[in-house]
Amino acid sequence: MSGEDDDKAGGGEGGKPAGAGGGPKGAEAIAEIGAVFKGLGGFVEMLGALVEKAETVERQGSFTVKGAGDEAQGVYGFSVRTGLGGVPRVRSFGNVRPTARGPVVDDVREPLVDLFDEADGVIVTAEIPGVAEDEIALSIEDGKLSITTSGRHRYAKTIALPAGVDPASLERSHRNGILQVKLRKV
């Protein structure tokens, strides 16, 4: 991201809509966050070229939320992958969410996750930098794997599993900010 993108600030804190509370500054903050999302618009033009080349593109950035101190930071990004079939797969991550009332900055980030459906099992990897092993909680319920973390860096994501799995077979490893979860199919 360029320094210009990093300078665009706005949003609210604690999951509140950007500029909550009204007034000219609130409207300005919403407009600035809207500009960040519009800045991703050029990405659509890249999709056509990616389909032809079967490549992966990732972009990410962050900004500080005005008036919320050093702790409130918006993080957003996306990953696009195209395979041999030529169909692009776009995945987003971060803590900025669009809503009907405008963009919202949450204090919990959504990690970038990959799911691999193997013949005898399922492998899920999640990027959760800054998290210690003892801060990771995993649960399986109704065919979904939930990943949550506590501590300074908080992440949360629920992933629909492509097949039935044996929860007792759960194996996990965490190294250099990458969580890997292996589950045996039933």
N, C-alpha and C. Protein backbone atom coordinates (compact mmCIF):
# COMPACT_ATOMS: atom_id res chain seq x y z
N MET A 1 0.85 -1.18 0.00
CA MET A 1 0.00 0.00 0.00
C MET A 1 0.88 1.23 0.00
N SER A 2 0.43 2.24 -0.62
CA SER A 2 1.19 3.48 -0.63
C SER A 2 0.94 4.25 0.64
N GLY A 3 1.79 5.24 0.90
CA GLY A 3 1.61 6.08 2.07
C GLY A 3 0.30 6.82 2.03
N GLU A 4 -0.18 7.11 0.79
CA GLU A 4 -1.47 7.79 0.67
C GLU A 4 -2.58 6.97 1.28
N ASP A 5 -2.59 5.63 0.98
CA ASP A 5 -3.62 4.78 1.52
C ASP A 5 -3.54 4.71 3.03
N ASP A 6 -2.30 4.70 3.56
CA ASP A 6 -2.14 4.62 5.00
C ASP A 6 -2.63 5.89 5.69
N ASP A 7 -2.60 7.03 4.98
CA ASP A 7 -3.03 8.29 5.56
C ASP A 7 -4.54 8.42 5.60
N LYS A 8 -5.24 7.63 4.79
CA LYS A 8 -6.71 7.73 4.78
C LYS A 8 -7.22 7.10 6.05
N ALA A 9 -7.80 7.87 6.90
CA ALA A 9 -8.26 7.36 8.18
C ALA A 9 -9.73 7.63 8.31
N GLY A 10 -10.33 6.94 9.25
CA GLY A 10 -11.75 7.12 9.51
C GLY A 10 -12.22 5.91 10.26
N GLY A 11 -13.50 5.83 10.49
CA GLY A 11 -14.05 4.65 11.13
C GLY A 11 -14.36 4.92 12.57
N GLY A 12 -14.89 3.90 13.20
CA GLY A 12 -15.27 4.00 14.60
C GLY A 12 -14.49 2.99 15.39
N GLU A 13 -14.72 2.96 16.67
CA GLU A 13 -14.01 2.02 17.51
C GLU A 13 -14.99 1.04 18.11
N GLY A 14 -14.48 -0.12 18.49
CA GLY A 14 -15.28 -1.10 19.20
C GLY A 14 -16.46 -1.60 18.42
N GLY A 15 -16.37 -1.73 17.07
CA GLY A 15 -17.46 -2.25 16.27
C GLY A 15 -18.53 -1.24 15.96
N LYS A 16 -18.33 0.02 16.28
CA LYS A 16 -19.31 1.05 15.97
C LYS A 16 -19.08 1.55 14.56
N PRO A 17 -20.14 1.96 13.86
CA PRO A 17 -19.95 2.46 12.51
C PRO A 17 -19.04 3.67 12.51
N ALA A 18 -18.29 3.80 11.42
CA ALA A 18 -17.40 4.94 11.27
C ALA A 18 -18.20 6.22 11.39
N GLY A 19 -17.72 7.13 12.20
CA GLY A 19 -18.37 8.41 12.33
C GLY A 19 -19.64 8.37 13.13
N ALA A 20 -19.87 7.30 13.91
CA ALA A 20 -21.08 7.23 14.71
C ALA A 20 -21.13 8.44 15.62
N GLY A 21 -22.26 9.03 15.73
CA GLY A 21 -22.39 10.23 16.53
C GLY A 21 -22.72 11.42 15.66
N GLY A 22 -22.65 11.24 14.34
CA GLY A 22 -23.06 12.29 13.42
C GLY A 22 -22.09 13.43 13.34
N GLY A 23 -22.54 14.54 12.78
CA GLY A 23 -21.70 15.72 12.65
C GLY A 23 -20.84 15.66 11.41
N PRO A 24 -20.22 16.81 11.06
CA PRO A 24 -19.42 16.86 9.86
C PRO A 24 -18.22 15.92 9.90
N LYS A 25 -17.60 15.77 11.08
CA LYS A 25 -16.44 14.88 11.16
C LYS A 25 -16.86 13.43 10.93
N GLY A 26 -18.03 13.04 11.43
CA GLY A 26 -18.52 11.67 11.22
C GLY A 26 -18.76 11.39 9.76
N ALA A 27 -19.37 12.34 9.05
CA ALA A 27 -19.62 12.17 7.62
C ALA A 27 -18.30 12.11 6.86
N GLU A 28 -17.34 12.91 7.29
CA GLU A 28 -16.02 12.91 6.63
C GLU A 28 -15.33 11.57 6.83
N ALA A 29 -15.44 11.00 8.02
CA ALA A 29 -14.81 9.70 8.30
C ALA A 29 -15.43 8.61 7.44
N ILE A 30 -16.76 8.61 7.31
CA ILE A 30 -17.44 7.62 6.47
C ILE A 30 -16.99 7.77 5.03
N ALA A 31 -16.89 9.00 4.55
CA ALA A 31 -16.45 9.23 3.17
C ALA A 31 -15.02 8.73 2.96
N GLU A 32 -14.16 8.94 3.95
CA GLU A 32 -12.77 8.50 3.81
C GLU A 32 -12.66 6.99 3.78
N ILE A 33 -13.41 6.29 4.61
CA ILE A 33 -13.37 4.82 4.58
C ILE A 33 -13.98 4.32 3.28
N GLY A 34 -15.04 4.98 2.82
CA GLY A 34 -15.63 4.62 1.53
C GLY A 34 -14.61 4.74 0.41
N ALA A 35 -13.75 5.75 0.49
CA ALA A 35 -12.70 5.93 -0.52
C ALA A 35 -11.71 4.77 -0.49
N VAL A 36 -11.44 4.24 0.69
CA VAL A 36 -10.54 3.09 0.79
C VAL A 36 -11.14 1.91 0.04
N PHE A 37 -12.44 1.64 0.24
CA PHE A 37 -13.08 0.53 -0.46
C PHE A 37 -13.10 0.77 -1.97
N LYS A 38 -13.35 2.01 -2.38
CA LYS A 38 -13.36 2.32 -3.81
C LYS A 38 -11.98 2.15 -4.41
N GLY A 39 -10.94 2.37 -3.60
CA GLY A 39 -9.57 2.19 -4.08
C GLY A 39 -9.28 0.76 -4.49
N LEU A 40 -10.06 -0.17 -3.97
CA LEU A 40 -9.89 -1.56 -4.35
C LEU A 40 -10.57 -1.86 -5.68
N GLY A 41 -11.31 -0.90 -6.21
CA GLY A 41 -12.05 -1.10 -7.46
C GLY A 41 -11.17 -1.46 -8.63
N GLY A 42 -9.95 -0.92 -8.70
CA GLY A 42 -9.05 -1.24 -9.79
C GLY A 42 -8.69 -2.72 -9.81
N PHE A 43 -8.93 -3.37 -8.70
CA PHE A 43 -8.65 -4.79 -8.58
C PHE A 43 -9.48 -5.60 -9.57
N VAL A 44 -10.70 -5.18 -9.82
CA VAL A 44 -11.58 -5.92 -10.72
C VAL A 44 -10.96 -6.03 -12.11
N GLU A 45 -10.28 -4.99 -12.54
CA GLU A 45 -9.64 -5.01 -13.84
C GLU A 45 -8.54 -6.07 -13.91
N MET A 46 -7.90 -6.34 -12.78
CA MET A 46 -6.84 -7.34 -12.75
C MET A 46 -7.39 -8.75 -12.89
N LEU A 47 -8.66 -8.96 -12.52
CA LEU A 47 -9.22 -10.31 -12.54
C LEU A 47 -9.15 -10.95 -13.92
N GLY A 48 -9.45 -10.17 -14.96
CA GLY A 48 -9.41 -10.71 -16.31
C GLY A 48 -8.04 -11.26 -16.66
N ALA A 49 -7.01 -10.51 -16.33
CA ALA A 49 -5.64 -10.95 -16.60
C ALA A 49 -5.28 -12.17 -15.75
N LEU A 50 -5.78 -12.23 -14.53
CA LEU A 50 -5.48 -13.36 -13.66
C LEU A 50 -6.09 -14.65 -14.19
N VAL A 51 -7.30 -14.55 -14.72
CA VAL A 51 -7.97 -15.73 -15.24
C VAL A 51 -7.12 -16.36 -16.34
N GLU A 52 -6.52 -15.53 -17.18
CA GLU A 52 -5.69 -16.04 -18.27
C GLU A 52 -4.39 -16.63 -17.76
N LYS A 53 -3.83 -16.10 -16.68
CA LYS A 53 -2.51 -16.51 -16.21
C LYS A 53 -2.54 -17.53 -15.08
N ALA A 54 -3.70 -17.78 -14.47
CA ALA A 54 -3.83 -18.69 -13.32
C ALA A 54 -2.83 -18.31 -12.23
N GLU A 55 -2.95 -17.08 -11.70
CA GLU A 55 -2.04 -16.57 -10.69
C GLU A 55 -2.78 -16.26 -9.38
N THR A 56 -1.99 -15.88 -8.39
CA THR A 56 -2.51 -15.45 -7.09
C THR A 56 -2.08 -14.01 -6.85
N VAL A 57 -3.02 -13.19 -6.38
CA VAL A 57 -2.71 -11.80 -6.04
C VAL A 57 -3.25 -11.56 -4.64
N GLU A 58 -2.44 -10.90 -3.81
CA GLU A 58 -2.89 -10.51 -2.48
C GLU A 58 -2.57 -9.05 -2.28
N ARG A 59 -3.47 -8.32 -1.64
CA ARG A 59 -3.26 -6.92 -1.29
C ARG A 59 -3.78 -6.74 0.12
N GLN A 60 -3.10 -5.91 0.88
CA GLN A 60 -3.56 -5.61 2.22
C GLN A 60 -3.09 -4.22 2.62
N GLY A 61 -3.69 -3.68 3.63
CA GLY A 61 -3.32 -2.36 4.13
C GLY A 61 -3.92 -2.14 5.49
N SER A 62 -3.58 -1.02 6.07
CA SER A 62 -4.14 -0.68 7.36
C SER A 62 -4.20 0.83 7.48
N PHE A 63 -5.01 1.29 8.42
CA PHE A 63 -5.13 2.72 8.68
C PHE A 63 -5.50 2.90 10.14
N THR A 64 -5.14 4.03 10.69
CA THR A 64 -5.48 4.35 12.06
C THR A 64 -6.80 5.09 12.07
N VAL A 65 -7.66 4.75 13.00
CA VAL A 65 -8.97 5.36 13.10
C VAL A 65 -8.83 6.69 13.82
N LYS A 66 -9.24 7.78 13.17
CA LYS A 66 -9.15 9.12 13.76
C LYS A 66 -9.92 9.20 15.07
N GLY A 67 -9.30 9.80 16.06
CA GLY A 67 -9.98 10.06 17.33
C GLY A 67 -10.14 8.84 18.21
N ALA A 68 -9.57 7.69 17.82
CA ALA A 68 -9.75 6.48 18.62
C ALA A 68 -8.47 6.04 19.30
N GLY A 69 -7.43 6.85 19.23
CA GLY A 69 -6.17 6.50 19.87
C GLY A 69 -5.36 5.53 19.04
N ASP A 70 -4.25 5.10 19.60
CA ASP A 70 -3.35 4.20 18.89
C ASP A 70 -3.87 2.77 18.81
N GLU A 71 -4.79 2.39 19.68
CA GLU A 71 -5.25 1.01 19.73
C GLU A 71 -6.18 0.64 18.59
N ALA A 72 -6.97 1.58 18.08
CA ALA A 72 -7.95 1.27 17.03
C ALA A 72 -7.29 1.37 15.67
N GLN A 73 -7.23 0.25 14.99
CA GLN A 73 -6.60 0.23 13.68
C GLN A 73 -7.46 -0.63 12.75
N GLY A 74 -7.74 -0.09 11.58
CA GLY A 74 -8.46 -0.85 10.58
C GLY A 74 -7.47 -1.63 9.73
N VAL A 75 -7.75 -2.91 9.52
CA VAL A 75 -6.91 -3.78 8.71
C VAL A 75 -7.82 -4.45 7.69
N TYR A 76 -7.43 -4.42 6.44
CA TYR A 76 -8.24 -5.03 5.40
C TYR A 76 -7.33 -5.63 4.35
N GLY A 77 -7.86 -6.58 3.63
CA GLY A 77 -7.09 -7.16 2.55
C GLY A 77 -7.91 -8.19 1.81
N PHE A 78 -7.35 -8.67 0.72
CA PHE A 78 -8.01 -9.71 -0.05
C PHE A 78 -6.96 -10.55 -0.76
N SER A 79 -7.36 -11.74 -1.11
CA SER A 79 -6.51 -12.66 -1.85
C SER A 79 -7.36 -13.19 -3.00
N VAL A 80 -6.78 -13.21 -4.19
CA VAL A 80 -7.48 -13.75 -5.35
C VAL A 80 -6.62 -14.85 -5.94
N ARG A 81 -7.22 -15.98 -6.15
CA ARG A 81 -6.52 -17.10 -6.77
C ARG A 81 -7.34 -17.61 -7.93
N THR A 82 -6.65 -17.91 -9.00
CA THR A 82 -7.31 -18.55 -10.13
C THR A 82 -6.59 -19.85 -10.39
N GLY A 83 -7.36 -20.87 -10.61
CA GLY A 83 -6.78 -22.18 -10.89
C GLY A 83 -6.85 -22.47 -12.37
N LEU A 84 -6.63 -23.72 -12.70
CA LEU A 84 -6.63 -24.12 -14.10
C LEU A 84 -8.00 -23.94 -14.75
N GLY A 85 -9.06 -24.01 -13.97
CA GLY A 85 -10.41 -23.82 -14.50
C GLY A 85 -10.70 -22.37 -14.87
N GLY A 86 -9.86 -21.46 -14.43
CA GLY A 86 -10.00 -20.06 -14.79
C GLY A 86 -11.00 -19.28 -13.97
N VAL A 87 -11.55 -19.88 -12.92
CA VAL A 87 -12.53 -19.18 -12.09
C VAL A 87 -11.81 -18.53 -10.92
N PRO A 88 -11.83 -17.20 -10.83
CA PRO A 88 -11.14 -16.54 -9.71
C PRO A 88 -11.88 -16.76 -8.40
N ARG A 89 -11.13 -16.93 -7.32
CA ARG A 89 -11.68 -17.09 -5.99
C ARG A 89 -11.17 -15.93 -5.15
N VAL A 90 -12.07 -15.05 -4.72
CA VAL A 90 -11.71 -13.87 -3.95
C VAL A 90 -12.04 -14.13 -2.48
N ARG A 91 -11.05 -13.90 -1.62
CA ARG A 91 -11.25 -14.05 -0.17
C ARG A 91 -10.78 -12.79 0.50
N SER A 92 -11.59 -12.28 1.41
CA SER A 92 -11.20 -11.07 2.14
C SER A 92 -10.81 -11.44 3.56
N PHE A 93 -10.08 -10.54 4.19
CA PHE A 93 -9.71 -10.72 5.59
C PHE A 93 -9.51 -9.36 6.21
N GLY A 94 -9.48 -9.31 7.53
CA GLY A 94 -9.26 -8.05 8.24
C GLY A 94 -10.36 -7.79 9.24
N ASN A 95 -10.47 -6.52 9.65
CA ASN A 95 -11.48 -6.16 10.64
C ASN A 95 -12.38 -5.01 10.19
N VAL A 96 -12.37 -4.69 8.90
CA VAL A 96 -13.25 -3.66 8.35
C VAL A 96 -14.39 -4.37 7.63
N ARG A 97 -15.61 -4.07 8.04
CA ARG A 97 -16.80 -4.72 7.46
C ARG A 97 -17.75 -3.66 6.90
N PRO A 98 -18.20 -3.84 5.66
CA PRO A 98 -19.21 -2.92 5.14
C PRO A 98 -20.58 -3.25 5.75
N THR A 99 -21.33 -2.23 6.11
CA THR A 99 -22.69 -2.41 6.62
C THR A 99 -23.60 -1.39 5.94
N ALA A 100 -24.89 -1.51 6.16
CA ALA A 100 -25.84 -0.56 5.59
C ALA A 100 -25.61 0.85 6.12
N ARG A 101 -25.09 0.97 7.33
CA ARG A 101 -24.84 2.29 7.94
C ARG A 101 -23.45 2.82 7.63
N GLY A 102 -22.65 2.05 6.90
CA GLY A 102 -21.29 2.46 6.57
C GLY A 102 -20.29 1.45 7.08
N PRO A 103 -19.02 1.63 6.76
CA PRO A 103 -17.99 0.69 7.20
C PRO A 103 -17.87 0.65 8.72
N VAL A 104 -17.57 -0.54 9.24
CA VAL A 104 -17.41 -0.77 10.67
C VAL A 104 -16.02 -1.35 10.90
N VAL A 105 -15.32 -0.84 11.91
CA VAL A 105 -14.02 -1.38 12.31
C VAL A 105 -14.24 -2.17 13.59
N ASP A 106 -14.05 -3.49 13.52
CA ASP A 106 -14.20 -4.37 14.68
C ASP A 106 -12.88 -4.50 15.40
N ASP A 107 -12.93 -4.93 16.66
CA ASP A 107 -11.68 -5.18 17.38
C ASP A 107 -11.18 -6.61 17.17
N VAL A 108 -11.95 -7.43 16.45
CA VAL A 108 -11.55 -8.80 16.12
C VAL A 108 -11.35 -8.89 14.61
N ARG A 109 -10.21 -9.43 14.20
CA ARG A 109 -9.90 -9.56 12.78
C ARG A 109 -10.33 -10.92 12.25
N GLU A 110 -10.62 -10.97 10.97
CA GLU A 110 -10.89 -12.23 10.29
C GLU A 110 -9.60 -12.67 9.62
N PRO A 111 -9.07 -13.86 9.97
CA PRO A 111 -7.81 -14.30 9.37
C PRO A 111 -8.01 -14.80 7.94
N LEU A 112 -6.93 -14.81 7.19
CA LEU A 112 -6.93 -15.41 5.87
C LEU A 112 -6.83 -16.91 6.08
N VAL A 113 -7.75 -17.68 5.48
CA VAL A 113 -7.86 -19.11 5.72
C VAL A 113 -7.85 -19.87 4.40
N ASP A 114 -7.17 -21.01 4.38
CA ASP A 114 -7.21 -21.94 3.25
C ASP A 114 -7.76 -23.26 3.75
N LEU A 115 -8.59 -23.92 2.92
CA LEU A 115 -9.16 -25.21 3.26
C LEU A 115 -8.80 -26.18 2.15
N PHE A 116 -8.26 -27.33 2.54
CA PHE A 116 -7.87 -28.35 1.58
C PHE A 116 -8.70 -29.60 1.85
N ASP A 117 -9.48 -30.02 0.86
CA ASP A 117 -10.33 -31.21 0.96
C ASP A 117 -9.56 -32.38 0.37
N GLU A 118 -8.90 -33.15 1.22
CA GLU A 118 -8.10 -34.30 0.80
C GLU A 118 -8.97 -35.55 0.76
N ALA A 119 -8.44 -36.63 0.21
CA ALA A 119 -9.19 -37.87 0.08
C ALA A 119 -9.64 -38.42 1.43
N ASP A 120 -8.76 -38.39 2.43
CA ASP A 120 -9.09 -38.98 3.72
C ASP A 120 -9.27 -37.98 4.86
N GLY A 121 -9.12 -36.69 4.55
CA GLY A 121 -9.25 -35.70 5.61
C GLY A 121 -9.38 -34.28 5.09
N VAL A 122 -9.44 -33.37 6.01
CA VAL A 122 -9.56 -31.94 5.72
C VAL A 122 -8.42 -31.23 6.44
N ILE A 123 -7.77 -30.31 5.73
CA ILE A 123 -6.70 -29.51 6.33
C ILE A 123 -7.09 -28.05 6.21
N VAL A 124 -7.04 -27.33 7.32
CA VAL A 124 -7.35 -25.90 7.35
C VAL A 124 -6.10 -25.17 7.84
N THR A 125 -5.70 -24.13 7.11
CA THR A 125 -4.60 -23.28 7.58
C THR A 125 -5.14 -21.87 7.74
N ALA A 126 -4.67 -21.19 8.78
CA ALA A 126 -5.11 -19.83 9.06
C ALA A 126 -3.90 -18.98 9.43
N GLU A 127 -3.84 -17.78 8.89
CA GLU A 127 -2.78 -16.84 9.22
C GLU A 127 -3.23 -16.02 10.43
N ILE A 128 -2.56 -16.24 11.56
CA ILE A 128 -2.90 -15.53 12.81
C ILE A 128 -1.63 -15.02 13.48
N PRO A 129 -0.95 -14.06 12.86
CA PRO A 129 0.30 -13.56 13.43
C PRO A 129 0.09 -12.89 14.78
N GLY A 130 1.11 -13.03 15.63
CA GLY A 130 1.09 -12.35 16.93
C GLY A 130 0.32 -13.09 18.00
N VAL A 131 -0.10 -14.34 17.73
CA VAL A 131 -0.90 -15.11 18.68
C VAL A 131 -0.06 -16.26 19.24
N ALA A 132 -0.10 -16.44 20.55
CA ALA A 132 0.59 -17.56 21.20
C ALA A 132 -0.28 -18.81 21.13
N GLU A 133 0.36 -19.97 21.20
CA GLU A 133 -0.35 -21.25 21.12
C GLU A 133 -1.49 -21.35 22.13
N ASP A 134 -1.26 -20.89 23.37
CA ASP A 134 -2.27 -21.01 24.41
C ASP A 134 -3.42 -20.00 24.26
N GLU A 135 -3.35 -19.12 23.28
CA GLU A 135 -4.42 -18.14 23.04
C GLU A 135 -5.38 -18.59 21.94
N ILE A 136 -5.18 -19.80 21.40
CA ILE A 136 -5.99 -20.31 20.29
C ILE A 136 -7.04 -21.28 20.82
N ALA A 137 -8.30 -21.06 20.43
CA ALA A 137 -9.39 -21.97 20.79
C ALA A 137 -10.03 -22.49 19.50
N LEU A 138 -10.23 -23.81 19.44
CA LEU A 138 -10.86 -24.44 18.28
C LEU A 138 -12.09 -25.20 18.75
N SER A 139 -13.14 -25.17 17.93
CA SER A 139 -14.32 -25.98 18.23
C SER A 139 -14.96 -26.43 16.92
N ILE A 140 -15.61 -27.58 16.98
CA ILE A 140 -16.31 -28.13 15.82
C ILE A 140 -17.76 -28.35 16.24
N GLU A 141 -18.67 -27.75 15.48
CA GLU A 141 -20.09 -27.88 15.78
C GLU A 141 -20.88 -27.74 14.49
N ASP A 142 -21.82 -28.65 14.27
CA ASP A 142 -22.71 -28.61 13.11
C ASP A 142 -21.94 -28.52 11.79
N GLY A 143 -20.86 -29.28 11.67
CA GLY A 143 -20.10 -29.30 10.42
C GLY A 143 -19.28 -28.05 10.16
N LYS A 144 -19.00 -27.28 11.21
CA LYS A 144 -18.22 -26.05 11.07
C LYS A 144 -17.09 -26.03 12.08
N LEU A 145 -15.93 -25.54 11.62
CA LEU A 145 -14.78 -25.35 12.49
C LEU A 145 -14.70 -23.88 12.86
N SER A 146 -14.65 -23.59 14.15
CA SER A 146 -14.52 -22.21 14.63
C SER A 146 -13.13 -22.01 15.21
N ILE A 147 -12.48 -20.94 14.77
CA ILE A 147 -11.17 -20.56 15.27
C ILE A 147 -11.33 -19.21 15.95
N THR A 148 -10.95 -19.12 17.21
CA THR A 148 -10.97 -17.84 17.93
C THR A 148 -9.68 -17.71 18.71
N THR A 149 -9.23 -16.49 18.88
CA THR A 149 -8.02 -16.24 19.67
C THR A 149 -8.30 -15.16 20.70
N SER A 150 -7.51 -15.17 21.74
CA SER A 150 -7.60 -14.14 22.77
C SER A 150 -6.24 -13.46 22.86
N GLY A 151 -6.12 -12.50 23.71
CA GLY A 151 -4.85 -11.80 23.87
C GLY A 151 -4.84 -10.50 23.10
N ARG A 152 -3.65 -10.00 22.85
CA ARG A 152 -3.49 -8.69 22.19
C ARG A 152 -4.02 -8.70 20.76
N HIS A 153 -3.74 -9.78 20.01
CA HIS A 153 -4.22 -9.91 18.63
C HIS A 153 -5.37 -10.90 18.63
N ARG A 154 -6.57 -10.40 18.32
CA ARG A 154 -7.76 -11.24 18.36
C ARG A 154 -8.25 -11.52 16.95
N TYR A 155 -8.51 -12.81 16.69
CA TYR A 155 -9.01 -13.27 15.40
C TYR A 155 -10.21 -14.18 15.64
N ALA A 156 -11.09 -14.24 14.65
CA ALA A 156 -12.23 -15.17 14.72
C ALA A 156 -12.68 -15.51 13.31
N LYS A 157 -12.97 -16.79 13.09
CA LYS A 157 -13.46 -17.23 11.79
C LYS A 157 -14.14 -18.58 11.98
N THR A 158 -15.28 -18.77 11.32
CA THR A 158 -15.98 -20.04 11.29
C THR A 158 -15.97 -20.52 9.85
N ILE A 159 -15.52 -21.77 9.66
CA ILE A 159 -15.35 -22.33 8.33
C ILE A 159 -16.27 -23.53 8.18
N ALA A 160 -17.10 -23.54 7.13
CA ALA A 160 -17.93 -24.69 6.84
C ALA A 160 -17.04 -25.79 6.28
N LEU A 161 -17.11 -26.97 6.89
CA LEU A 161 -16.28 -28.08 6.45
C LEU A 161 -16.97 -28.81 5.30
N PRO A 162 -16.21 -29.27 4.29
CA PRO A 162 -16.80 -29.86 3.10
C PRO A 162 -17.33 -31.28 3.30
N ALA A 163 -17.01 -31.91 4.43
CA ALA A 163 -17.44 -33.29 4.70
C ALA A 163 -17.53 -33.49 6.20
N GLY A 164 -18.17 -34.57 6.60
CA GLY A 164 -18.22 -34.92 8.00
C GLY A 164 -16.83 -35.30 8.50
N VAL A 165 -16.48 -34.86 9.70
CA VAL A 165 -15.17 -35.14 10.27
C VAL A 165 -15.32 -35.72 11.67
N ASP A 166 -14.27 -36.39 12.13
CA ASP A 166 -14.21 -36.93 13.48
C ASP A 166 -13.55 -35.88 14.37
N PRO A 167 -14.30 -35.20 15.25
CA PRO A 167 -13.72 -34.17 16.11
C PRO A 167 -12.56 -34.68 16.97
N ALA A 168 -12.60 -35.97 17.35
CA ALA A 168 -11.54 -36.54 18.18
C ALA A 168 -10.23 -36.66 17.41
N SER A 169 -10.28 -36.59 16.08
CA SER A 169 -9.06 -36.73 15.27
C SER A 169 -8.33 -35.40 15.08
N LEU A 170 -8.84 -34.33 15.66
CA LEU A 170 -8.27 -33.01 15.46
C LEU A 170 -6.80 -32.96 15.88
N GLU A 171 -5.96 -32.57 14.93
CA GLU A 171 -4.55 -32.33 15.18
C GLU A 171 -4.27 -30.89 14.79
N ARG A 172 -3.51 -30.19 15.62
CA ARG A 172 -3.20 -28.81 15.29
C ARG A 172 -1.73 -28.53 15.52
N SER A 173 -1.22 -27.60 14.71
CA SER A 173 0.14 -27.12 14.90
C SER A 173 0.13 -25.63 14.65
N HIS A 174 1.02 -24.93 15.33
CA HIS A 174 1.07 -23.47 15.22
C HIS A 174 2.54 -23.07 15.20
N ARG A 175 2.95 -22.46 14.08
CA ARG A 175 4.34 -22.05 13.95
C ARG A 175 4.42 -20.80 13.08
N ASN A 176 5.15 -19.81 13.56
CA ASN A 176 5.39 -18.57 12.80
C ASN A 176 4.10 -17.91 12.32
N GLY A 177 3.08 -17.91 13.17
CA GLY A 177 1.82 -17.23 12.85
C GLY A 177 0.89 -18.01 11.95
N ILE A 178 1.23 -19.26 11.63
CA ILE A 178 0.38 -20.09 10.79
C ILE A 178 -0.17 -21.24 11.62
N LEU A 179 -1.50 -21.32 11.69
CA LEU A 179 -2.17 -22.41 12.37
C LEU A 179 -2.58 -23.43 11.33
N GLN A 180 -2.29 -24.71 11.59
CA GLN A 180 -2.72 -25.77 10.69
C GLN A 180 -3.55 -26.75 11.51
N VAL A 181 -4.75 -27.06 11.00
CA VAL A 181 -5.66 -27.98 11.66
C VAL A 181 -5.94 -29.13 10.70
N LYS A 182 -5.73 -30.37 11.19
CA LYS A 182 -6.00 -31.56 10.38
C LYS A 182 -7.13 -32.35 11.03
N LEU A 183 -8.09 -32.77 10.21
CA LEU A 183 -9.24 -33.54 10.68
C LEU A 183 -9.45 -34.75 9.75
N ARG A 184 -9.75 -35.90 10.33
CA ARG A 184 -10.03 -37.11 9.54
C ARG A 184 -11.51 -37.15 9.16
N LYS A 185 -11.78 -37.49 7.91
CA LYS A 185 -13.16 -37.62 7.45
C LYS A 185 -13.79 -38.87 8.02
N VAL A 186 -15.12 -38.81 8.20
CA VAL A 186 -15.86 -40.00 8.66
C VAL A 186 -16.69 -40.56 7.53
